[in-house]
PDB file of N, CA and C in Angstrom:
ATOM      1  N   MET A   1      -4.101 -11.015   6.552  1.00  0.00           N
ATOM      2  CA  MET A   1      -4.416  -9.619   6.091  1.00  0.00           C
ATOM      3  C   MET A   1      -3.109  -8.999   5.329  1.00  0.00           C
ATOM      4  N   HIS A   2      -3.322  -8.321   4.372  1.00  0.00           N
ATOM      5  CA  HIS A   2      -2.269  -7.588   3.572  1.00  0.00           C
ATOM      6  C   HIS A   2      -2.583  -6.132   3.751  1.00  0.00           C
ATOM      7  N   VAL A   3      -1.567  -5.362   3.815  1.00  0.00           N
ATOM      8  CA  VAL A   3      -1.857  -3.994   3.888  1.00  0.00           C
ATOM      9  C   VAL A   3      -1.040  -3.197   2.853  1.00  0.00           C
ATOM     10  N   PHE A   4      -1.564  -2.401   2.033  1.00  0.00           N
ATOM     11  CA  PHE A   4      -0.945  -1.586   0.986  1.00  0.00           C
ATOM     12  C   PHE A   4      -1.236  -0.208   1.240  1.00  0.00           C
ATOM     13  N   THR A   5      -0.383   0.610   1.053  1.00  0.00           N
ATOM     14  CA  THR A   5      -0.634   2.088   1.343  1.00  0.00           C
ATOM     15  C   THR A   5      -0.263   2.912   0.194  1.00  0.00           C
ATOM     16  N   GLY A   6      -1.018   4.042  -0.035  1.00  0.00           N
ATOM     17  CA  GLY A   6      -0.731   4.867  -1.162  1.00  0.00           C
ATOM     18  C   GLY A   6      -1.925   5.793  -1.371  1.00  0.00           C
ATOM     19  N   ARG A   7      -1.953   6.732  -2.191  1.00  0.00           N
ATOM     20  CA  ARG A   7      -2.985   7.664  -2.427  1.00  0.00           C
ATOM     21  C   ARG A   7      -3.766   7.107  -3.636  1.00  0.00           C
ATOM     22  N   ALA A   8      -5.139   7.370  -3.564  1.00  0.00           N
ATOM     23  CA  ALA A   8      -6.083   7.016  -4.686  1.00  0.00           C
ATOM     24  C   ALA A   8      -7.110   7.883  -4.500  1.00  0.00           C
ATOM     25  N   ASP A   9      -7.843   8.150  -5.726  1.00  0.00           N
ATOM     26  CA  ASP A   9      -9.040   9.080  -5.646  1.00  0.00           C
ATOM     27  C   ASP A   9     -10.274   8.269  -5.360  1.00  0.00           C
ATOM     28  N   ARG A  10     -10.254   7.007  -5.503  1.00  0.00           N
ATOM     29  CA  ARG A  10     -11.425   6.098  -5.321  1.00  0.00           C
ATOM     30  C   ARG A  10     -11.066   4.780  -4.656  1.00  0.00           C
ATOM     31  N   ARG A  11     -11.988   4.271  -3.905  1.00  0.00           N
ATOM     32  CA  ARG A  11     -11.700   2.924  -3.272  1.00  0.00           C
ATOM     33  C   ARG A  11     -11.310   1.807  -4.299  1.00  0.00           C
ATOM     34  N   SER A  12     -12.012   1.817  -5.384  1.00  0.00           N
ATOM     35  CA  SER A  12     -11.783   0.849  -6.539  1.00  0.00           C
ATOM     36  C   SER A  12     -10.351   1.056  -6.949  1.00  0.00           C
ATOM     37  N   ALA A  13      -9.966   2.234  -7.134  1.00  0.00           N
ATOM     38  CA  ALA A  13      -8.636   2.621  -7.689  1.00  0.00           C
ATOM     39  C   ALA A  13      -7.584   2.157  -6.776  1.00  0.00           C
ATOM     40  N   ALA A  14      -7.805   2.254  -5.445  1.00  0.00           N
ATOM     41  CA  ALA A  14      -6.774   1.720  -4.421  1.00  0.00           C
ATOM     42  C   ALA A  14      -6.713   0.238  -4.495  1.00  0.00           C
ATOM     43  N   VAL A  15      -7.853  -0.480  -4.656  1.00  0.00           N
ATOM     44  CA  VAL A  15      -7.707  -1.916  -4.750  1.00  0.00           C
ATOM     45  C   VAL A  15      -6.962  -2.313  -5.993  1.00  0.00           C
ATOM     46  N   ARG A  16      -7.316  -1.653  -7.143  1.00  0.00           N
ATOM     47  CA  ARG A  16      -6.643  -1.945  -8.382  1.00  0.00           C
ATOM     48  C   ARG A  16      -5.146  -1.665  -8.344  1.00  0.00           C
ATOM     49  N   ILE A  17      -4.747  -0.594  -7.775  1.00  0.00           N
ATOM     50  CA  ILE A  17      -3.233  -0.293  -7.623  1.00  0.00           C
ATOM     51  C   ILE A  17      -2.597  -1.241  -6.741  1.00  0.00           C
ATOM     52  N   ALA A  18      -3.280  -1.629  -5.606  1.00  0.00           N
ATOM     53  CA  ALA A  18      -2.711  -2.522  -4.713  1.00  0.00           C
ATOM     54  C   ALA A  18      -2.419  -3.979  -5.419  1.00  0.00           C
ATOM     55  N   HIS A  19      -3.413  -4.328  -6.249  1.00  0.00           N
ATOM     56  CA  HIS A  19      -3.282  -5.581  -7.024  1.00  0.00           C
ATOM     57  C   HIS A  19      -2.137  -5.423  -8.021  1.00  0.00           C
ATOM     58  N   GLU A  20      -1.983  -4.285  -8.658  1.00  0.00           N
ATOM     59  CA  GLU A  20      -0.804  -4.079  -9.582  1.00  0.00           C
ATOM     60  C   GLU A  20       0.478  -4.239  -8.796  1.00  0.00           C
ATOM     61  N   ILE A  21       0.694  -3.649  -7.636  1.00  0.00           N
ATOM     62  CA  ILE A  21       1.788  -3.722  -6.845  1.00  0.00           C
ATOM     63  C   ILE A  21       2.087  -5.095  -6.359  1.00  0.00           C
ATOM     64  N   TYR A  22       1.122  -5.843  -6.012  1.00  0.00           N
ATOM     65  CA  TYR A  22       1.258  -7.188  -5.614  1.00  0.00           C
ATOM     66  C   TYR A  22       1.861  -8.030  -6.762  1.00  0.00           C
ATOM     67  N   ASP A  23       1.097  -7.905  -7.945  1.00  0.00           N
ATOM     68  CA  ASP A  23       1.589  -8.605  -9.144  1.00  0.00           C
ATOM     69  C   ASP A  23       2.981  -8.346  -9.577  1.00  0.00           C
ATOM     70  N   ALA A  24       3.304  -7.014  -9.483  1.00  0.00           N
ATOM     71  CA  ALA A  24       4.777  -6.593  -9.780  1.00  0.00           C
ATOM     72  C   ALA A  24       5.747  -7.312  -8.828  1.00  0.00           C
ATOM     73  N   ALA A  25       5.427  -7.291  -7.463  1.00  0.00           N
ATOM     74  CA  ALA A  25       6.286  -7.786  -6.478  1.00  0.00           C
ATOM     75  C   ALA A  25       6.446  -9.487  -6.864  1.00  0.00           C
ATOM     76  N   ARG A  26       5.305 -10.146  -7.120  1.00  0.00           N
ATOM     77  CA  ARG A  26       5.436 -11.533  -7.489  1.00  0.00           C
ATOM     78  C   ARG A  26       6.239 -11.721  -8.665  1.00  0.00           C
ATOM     79  N   ALA A  27       5.964 -10.970  -9.734  1.00  0.00           N
ATOM     80  CA  ALA A  27       6.824 -11.205 -11.006  1.00  0.00           C
ATOM     81  C   ALA A  27       8.206 -10.933 -10.781  1.00  0.00           C
ATOM     82  N   ALA A  28       8.601  -9.893 -10.027  1.00  0.00           N
ATOM     83  CA  ALA A  28      10.033  -9.646  -9.873  1.00  0.00           C
ATOM     84  C   ALA A  28      10.653 -10.725  -9.113  1.00  0.00           C
ATOM     85  N   LEU A  29      10.080 -11.235  -8.015  1.00  0.00           N
ATOM     86  CA  LEU A  29      10.547 -12.277  -7.215  1.00  0.00           C
ATOM     87  C   LEU A  29      10.755 -13.547  -8.068  1.00  0.00           C
ATOM     88  N   GLU A  30       9.756 -13.977  -8.883  1.00  0.00           N
ATOM     89  CA  GLU A  30       9.833 -15.146  -9.798  1.00  0.00           C
ATOM     90  C   GLU A  30      10.827 -14.951 -10.816  1.00  0.00           C
ATOM     91  N   ALA A  31      11.338 -13.667 -11.240  1.00  0.00           N
ATOM     92  CA  ALA A  31      12.327 -13.481 -12.208  1.00  0.00           C
ATOM     93  C   ALA A  31      13.555 -13.310 -11.578  1.00  0.00           C
ATOM     94  N   GLY A  32      13.672 -13.496 -10.261  1.00  0.00           N
ATOM     95  CA  GLY A  32      14.965 -13.350  -9.586  1.00  0.00           C
ATOM     96  C   GLY A  32      15.450 -11.845  -9.470  1.00  0.00           C
ATOM     97  N   LEU A  33      14.481 -10.952  -9.548  1.00  0.00           N
ATOM     98  CA  LEU A  33      14.896  -9.487  -9.374  1.00  0.00           C
ATOM     99  C   LEU A  33      14.409  -8.880  -8.159  1.00  0.00           C
ATOM    100  N   GLU A  34      14.888  -7.734  -7.789  1.00  0.00           N
ATOM    101  CA  GLU A  34      14.488  -7.110  -6.522  1.00  0.00           C
ATOM    102  C   GLU A  34      13.052  -6.671  -6.664  1.00  0.00           C
ATOM    103  N   ILE A  35      12.363  -6.808  -5.617  1.00  0.00           N
ATOM    104  CA  ILE A  35      10.939  -6.259  -5.480  1.00  0.00           C
ATOM    105  C   ILE A  35      10.943  -4.723  -5.668  1.00  0.00           C
ATOM    106  N   PRO A  36      10.137  -4.245  -6.545  1.00  0.00           N
ATOM    107  CA  PRO A  36      10.183  -2.729  -6.674  1.00  0.00           C
ATOM    108  C   PRO A  36       9.547  -2.126  -5.347  1.00  0.00           C
ATOM    109  N   HIS A  37      10.263  -1.169  -4.746  1.00  0.00           N
ATOM    110  CA  HIS A  37       9.838  -0.703  -3.494  1.00  0.00           C
ATOM    111  C   HIS A  37       9.085   0.603  -3.586  1.00  0.00           C
ATOM    112  N   GLY A  38       9.081   1.222  -4.755  1.00  0.00           N
ATOM    113  CA  GLY A  38       8.248   2.565  -4.701  1.00  0.00           C
ATOM    114  C   GLY A  38       8.095   2.984  -6.244  1.00  0.00           C
ATOM    115  N   ARG A  39       6.876   3.420  -6.438  1.00  0.00           N
ATOM    116  CA  ARG A  39       6.495   4.033  -7.773  1.00  0.00           C
ATOM    117  C   ARG A  39       6.591   5.484  -7.488  1.00  0.00           C
ATOM    118  N   PRO A  40       6.530   6.229  -8.596  1.00  0.00           N
ATOM    119  CA  PRO A  40       6.410   7.695  -8.405  1.00  0.00           C
ATOM    120  C   PRO A  40       5.130   8.196  -7.605  1.00  0.00           C
ATOM    121  N   ASP A  41       4.081   7.400  -7.780  1.00  0.00           N
ATOM    122  CA  ASP A  41       2.839   7.827  -7.025  1.00  0.00           C
ATOM    123  C   ASP A  41       2.868   7.369  -5.635  1.00  0.00           C
ATOM    124  N   GLY A  42       3.995   6.855  -5.096  1.00  0.00           N
ATOM    125  CA  GLY A  42       4.041   6.540  -3.642  1.00  0.00           C
ATOM    126  C   GLY A  42       3.724   5.147  -3.272  1.00  0.00           C
ATOM    127  N   TRP A  43       3.122   4.387  -4.200  1.00  0.00           N
ATOM    128  CA  TRP A  43       2.801   2.956  -3.972  1.00  0.00           C
ATOM    129  C   TRP A  43       4.030   2.103  -4.146  1.00  0.00           C
ATOM    130  N   GLY A  44       4.134   0.977  -3.384  1.00  0.00           N
ATOM    131  CA  GLY A  44       5.359   0.007  -3.491  1.00  0.00           C
ATOM    132  C   GLY A  44       5.072  -1.114  -2.591  1.00  0.00           C
ATOM    133  N   ALA A  45       5.862  -2.135  -2.723  1.00  0.00           N
ATOM    134  CA  ALA A  45       5.921  -3.275  -1.882  1.00  0.00           C
ATOM    135  C   ALA A  45       7.136  -3.459  -1.108  1.00  0.00           C
ATOM    136  N   CYS A  46       7.128  -3.922   0.098  1.00  0.00           N
ATOM    137  CA  CYS A  46       8.221  -4.171   0.918  1.00  0.00           C
ATOM    138  C   CYS A  46       8.714  -5.668   0.900  1.00  0.00           C
ATOM    139  N   GLY A  47       7.820  -6.464   0.411  1.00  0.00           N
ATOM    140  CA  GLY A  47       8.006  -7.882   0.433  1.00  0.00           C
ATOM    141  C   GLY A  47       6.942  -8.613  -0.295  1.00  0.00           C
ATOM    142  N   TYR A  48       7.116  -9.978  -0.316  1.00  0.00           N
ATOM    143  CA  TYR A  48       6.237 -10.829  -0.952  1.00  0.00           C
ATOM    144  C   TYR A  48       6.347 -12.251  -0.302  1.00  0.00           C
ATOM    145  N   ARG A  49       5.276 -12.839   0.051  1.00  0.00           N
ATOM    146  CA  ARG A  49       5.260 -14.158   0.649  1.00  0.00           C
ATOM    147  C   ARG A  49       4.562 -15.109  -0.302  1.00  0.00           C
ATOM    148  N   PRO A  50       5.305 -16.016  -0.830  1.00  0.00           N
ATOM    149  CA  PRO A  50       4.747 -16.921  -1.666  1.00  0.00           C
ATOM    150  C   PRO A  50       3.735 -17.867  -1.017  1.00  0.00           C
ATOM    151  N   GLY A  51       2.622 -18.065  -1.589  1.00  0.00           N
ATOM    152  CA  GLY A  51       1.437 -18.853  -1.000  1.00  0.00           C
ATOM    153  C   GLY A  51       0.472 -18.033  -0.266  1.00  0.00           C
ATOM    154  N   TRP A  52       0.752 -16.768  -0.094  1.00  0.00           N
ATOM    155  CA  TRP A  52      -0.282 -15.889   0.697  1.00  0.00           C
ATOM    156  C   TRP A  52      -0.969 -14.995  -0.447  1.00  0.00           C
ATOM    157  N   GLU A  53      -1.757 -15.686  -1.201  1.00  0.00           N
ATOM    158  CA  GLU A  53      -2.585 -14.940  -2.249  1.00  0.00           C
ATOM    159  C   GLU A  53      -3.768 -14.199  -1.674  1.00  0.00           C
ATOM    160  N   PRO A  54      -3.752 -12.942  -1.902  1.00  0.00           N
ATOM    161  CA  PRO A  54      -4.968 -12.122  -1.364  1.00  0.00           C
ATOM    162  C   PRO A  54      -6.275 -12.533  -2.090  1.00  0.00           C
ATOM    163  N   ASP A  55      -7.342 -12.408  -1.412  1.00  0.00           N
ATOM    164  CA  ASP A  55      -8.688 -12.701  -2.087  1.00  0.00           C
ATOM    165  C   ASP A  55      -9.032 -11.281  -2.762  1.00  0.00           C
ATOM    166  N   TRP A  56      -8.705 -11.122  -3.881  1.00  0.00           N
ATOM    167  CA  TRP A  56      -8.914  -9.771  -4.416  1.00  0.00           C
ATOM    168  C   TRP A  56     -10.347  -9.561  -4.535  1.00  0.00           C
ATOM    169  N   ASN A  57     -11.274 -10.498  -4.808  1.00  0.00           N
ATOM    170  CA  ASN A  57     -12.659 -10.189  -4.836  1.00  0.00           C
ATOM    171  C   ASN A  57     -13.268  -9.648  -3.604  1.00  0.00           C
ATOM    172  N   ALA A  58     -12.575  -9.976  -2.483  1.00  0.00           N
ATOM    173  CA  ALA A  58     -13.107  -9.589  -1.197  1.00  0.00           C
ATOM    174  C   ALA A  58     -12.268  -8.291  -0.650  1.00  0.00           C
ATOM    175  N   ALA A  59     -11.309  -7.898  -1.461  1.00  0.00           N
ATOM    176  CA  ALA A  59     -10.485  -6.747  -1.030  1.00  0.00           C
ATOM    177  C   ALA A  59     -11.259  -5.489  -0.789  1.00  0.00           C
ATOM    178  N   THR A  60     -10.917  -4.780   0.208  1.00  0.00           N
ATOM    179  CA  THR A  60     -11.516  -3.433   0.438  1.00  0.00           C
ATOM    180  C   THR A  60     -10.468  -2.429   0.567  1.00  0.00           C
ATOM    181  N   ALA A  61     -10.886  -1.150   0.484  1.00  0.00           N
ATOM    182  CA  ALA A  61      -9.857  -0.169   0.678  1.00  0.00           C
ATOM    183  C   ALA A  61     -10.576   1.068   1.655  1.00  0.00           C
ATOM    184  N   GLY A  62      -9.752   1.752   2.421  1.00  0.00           N
ATOM    185  CA  GLY A  62     -10.303   2.812   3.236  1.00  0.00           C
ATOM    186  C   GLY A  62      -9.104   3.568   3.757  1.00  0.00           C
ATOM    187  N   GLN A  63      -9.518   4.618   4.507  1.00  0.00           N
ATOM    188  CA  GLN A  63      -8.463   5.528   5.068  1.00  0.00           C
ATOM    189  C   GLN A  63      -7.814   4.789   6.227  1.00  0.00           C
ATOM    190  N   TRP A  64      -6.475   5.037   6.230  1.00  0.00           N
ATOM    191  CA  TRP A  64      -5.645   4.500   7.280  1.00  0.00           C
ATOM    192  C   TRP A  64      -5.076   5.487   8.087  1.00  0.00           C
ATOM    193  N   ASN A  65      -5.177   5.309   9.424  1.00  0.00           N
ATOM    194  CA  ASN A  65      -4.576   6.342  10.360  1.00  0.00           C
ATOM    195  C   ASN A  65      -3.402   5.605  11.069  1.00  0.00           C
ATOM    196  N   ASN A  66      -2.249   6.218  11.002  1.00  0.00           N
ATOM    197  CA  ASN A  66      -1.096   5.662  11.642  1.00  0.00           C
ATOM    198  C   ASN A  66      -1.296   5.726  13.149  1.00  0.00           C
ATOM    199  N   PRO A  67      -1.194   4.675  13.862  1.00  0.00           N
ATOM    200  CA  PRO A  67      -1.390   4.792  15.272  1.00  0.00           C
ATOM    201  C   PRO A  67      -0.281   5.310  16.043  1.00  0.00           C
ATOM    202  N   TYR A  68       0.796   5.525  15.409  1.00  0.00           N
ATOM    203  CA  TYR A  68       2.028   6.026  16.054  1.00  0.00           C
ATOM    204  C   TYR A  68       2.308   7.588  15.634  1.00  0.00           C
ATOM    205  N   SER A  69       1.449   8.073  14.897  1.00  0.00           N
ATOM    206  CA  SER A  69       1.524   9.522  14.357  1.00  0.00           C
ATOM    207  C   SER A  69       1.022  10.442  15.328  1.00  0.00           C
ATOM    208  N   TRP A  70       1.580  11.610  15.459  1.00  0.00           N
ATOM    209  CA  TRP A  70       1.169  12.692  16.324  1.00  0.00           C
ATOM    210  C   TRP A  70      -0.120  13.273  15.807  1.00  0.00           C
ATOM    211  N   THR A  71      -0.406  13.204  14.451  1.00  0.00           N
ATOM    212  CA  THR A  71      -1.565  13.708  13.899  1.00  0.00           C
ATOM    213  C   THR A  71      -2.435  12.614  13.468  1.00  0.00           C
ATOM    214  N   ARG A  72      -3.705  13.014  13.349  1.00  0.00           N
ATOM    215  CA  ARG A  72      -4.693  12.051  12.952  1.00  0.00           C
ATOM    216  C   ARG A  72      -5.509  12.607  11.783  1.00  0.00           C
ATOM    217  N   ALA A  73      -6.057  11.988  10.753  1.00  0.00           N
ATOM    218  CA  ALA A  73      -6.818  12.455   9.768  1.00  0.00           C
ATOM    219  C   ALA A  73      -8.170  12.862  10.406  1.00  0.00           C
ATOM    220  N   ASP A  74      -8.798  13.881   9.984  1.00  0.00           N
ATOM    221  CA  ASP A  74     -10.081  14.257  10.527  1.00  0.00           C
ATOM    222  C   ASP A  74     -11.226  13.546   9.867  1.00  0.00           C
ATOM    223  N   ASP A  75     -11.869  12.671  10.538  1.00  0.00           N
ATOM    224  CA  ASP A  75     -12.861  11.752   9.978  1.00  0.00           C
ATOM    225  C   ASP A  75     -14.044  12.579   9.272  1.00  0.00           C
ATOM    226  N   GLY A  76     -14.184  13.734   9.733  1.00  0.00           N
ATOM    227  CA  GLY A  76     -15.363  14.475   9.137  1.00  0.00           C
ATOM    228  C   GLY A  76     -15.092  15.051   7.818  1.00  0.00           C
ATOM    229  N   ASP A  77     -13.874  15.317   7.398  1.00  0.00           N
ATOM    230  CA  ASP A  77     -13.601  16.006   6.152  1.00  0.00           C
ATOM    231  C   ASP A  77     -12.999  15.197   5.124  1.00  0.00           C
ATOM    232  N   PHE A  78     -12.661  13.912   5.435  1.00  0.00           N
ATOM    233  CA  PHE A  78     -11.943  13.060   4.486  1.00  0.00           C
ATOM    234  C   PHE A  78     -12.900  12.281   3.616  1.00  0.00           C
ATOM    235  N   GLU A  79     -12.685  12.320   2.451  1.00  0.00           N
ATOM    236  CA  GLU A  79     -13.534  11.445   1.495  1.00  0.00           C
ATOM    237  C   GLU A  79     -12.594  10.653   0.666  1.00  0.00           C
ATOM    238  N   LEU A  80     -12.693   9.350   0.503  1.00  0.00           N
ATOM    239  CA  LEU A  80     -11.848   8.595  -0.421  1.00  0.00           C
ATOM    240  C   LEU A  80     -12.469   8.460  -1.683  1.00  0.00           C
TER     241      LEU A  80
END
C-alpha cells in the first residue's frame, strides 16, 4: 500500500496528483536529485522505493483521518 496525502476537489484528481508526485519522486531519484518534498498545494513525497510500482488502474482515493489527532473529520458533512 502507498499513501499520498493532500487536498483535492475530486477523487480522480487526488489519484492523478498522487501519480504526478510518484513520477516526480522517481524521476528525481533516477537523476540523482533530492526527492521533492512539497509542492505549494501541500502534496509531496517523503521517499521512493524502487520496484514498488503502484497499480494506478486500481488506485482509489478517500478521506483520511489521522488516528493520532485530537480532532476527527465529521463523516456526515465531508464530501470529496
